[in-house]
Amino acid sequence: MFNENDANMLLWNTLKKHIGHNVSVVCYGNEDNPADICLECEDCGEVILDAELYTVVARNDPEWPVR
């Protein structure tokens, strides 16, 4: 079993809060050369992921539970 407070669960838990919500990918600035790109929840008004702040990499953990 995995610990929901583990840092490896950050993305999982962040996305889980928005299941069933309307989300959009939004760019700020020029669409051809945006200053920022975000995943935003239209229902909550929350920025879920901000490409200017976060980098997402593939998990390389053989112990990660497969569901």
Protein backbone atom coordinates (compact mmCIF):
# COMPACT_ATOMS: atom_id res chain seq x y z
CA MET A 1 0.00 0.00 0.00
CA PHE A 2 1.21 3.52 -0.66
CA ASN A 3 1.14 6.58 1.57
CA GLU A 4 -1.15 9.34 0.24
CA ASN A 5 1.06 11.97 1.92
CA ASP A 6 4.15 10.77 0.03
CA ALA A 7 5.67 13.39 -2.32
CA ASN A 8 5.28 10.83 -5.12
CA MET A 9 1.51 11.23 -4.71
CA LEU A 10 1.46 15.02 -5.21
CA LEU A 11 0.36 14.97 -8.86
CA TRP A 12 -2.05 12.08 -8.24
CA ASN A 13 -3.76 13.87 -5.34
CA THR A 14 -3.81 17.22 -7.14
CA LEU A 15 -5.54 15.74 -10.18
CA LYS A 16 -7.84 13.54 -8.09
CA LYS A 17 -9.41 16.64 -6.49
CA HIS A 18 -10.64 17.71 -9.94
CA ILE A 19 -12.21 14.46 -11.18
CA GLY A 20 -15.49 15.37 -12.86
CA HIS A 21 -14.59 19.06 -13.10
CA ASN A 22 -14.26 21.05 -16.31
CA VAL A 23 -10.58 21.78 -16.98
CA SER A 24 -8.79 23.69 -19.74
CA VAL A 25 -5.28 24.17 -20.99
CA VAL A 26 -4.75 27.93 -21.12
CA CYS A 27 -1.89 29.94 -22.56
CA TYR A 28 -0.87 33.40 -21.45
CA GLY A 29 0.71 35.76 -23.93
CA ASN A 30 1.21 35.04 -27.62
CA GLU A 31 -0.19 31.61 -28.55
CA ASP A 32 2.82 30.94 -30.83
CA ASN A 33 5.28 31.89 -28.09
CA PRO A 34 3.37 31.85 -24.79
CA ALA A 35 4.77 33.29 -21.60
CA ASP A 36 3.07 30.48 -19.66
CA ILE A 37 0.79 27.46 -20.17
CA CYS A 38 -1.46 26.18 -17.39
CA LEU A 39 -3.99 23.47 -16.69
CA GLU A 40 -6.85 25.27 -14.96
CA CYS A 41 -10.03 24.04 -13.29
CA GLU A 42 -12.97 26.05 -14.61
CA ASP A 43 -15.21 24.90 -11.73
CA CYS A 44 -12.83 25.88 -8.89
CA GLY A 45 -10.85 28.62 -10.60
CA GLU A 46 -7.69 26.81 -9.46
CA VAL A 47 -4.47 26.51 -11.47
CA ILE A 48 -3.80 22.78 -11.30
CA LEU A 49 -0.48 22.75 -13.15
CA ASP A 50 1.65 25.70 -14.22
CA ALA A 51 4.30 24.88 -16.84
CA GLU A 52 6.29 27.94 -15.78
CA LEU A 53 6.64 26.51 -12.26
CA TYR A 54 6.55 22.72 -12.60
CA THR A 55 8.28 20.02 -14.61
CA VAL A 56 6.68 16.59 -14.84
CA VAL A 57 8.90 13.59 -15.50
CA ALA A 58 8.04 9.94 -16.06
CA ARG A 59 8.02 7.77 -12.96
CA ASN A 60 10.99 5.44 -12.80
CA ASP A 61 9.99 3.43 -9.75
CA PRO A 62 9.48 -0.33 -10.20
CA GLU A 63 7.73 -0.43 -6.79
CA TRP A 64 4.95 1.94 -7.93
CA PRO A 65 1.64 0.10 -7.64
CA VAL A 66 -0.03 -0.63 -10.95
CA ARG A 67 -3.81 -0.43 -10.79
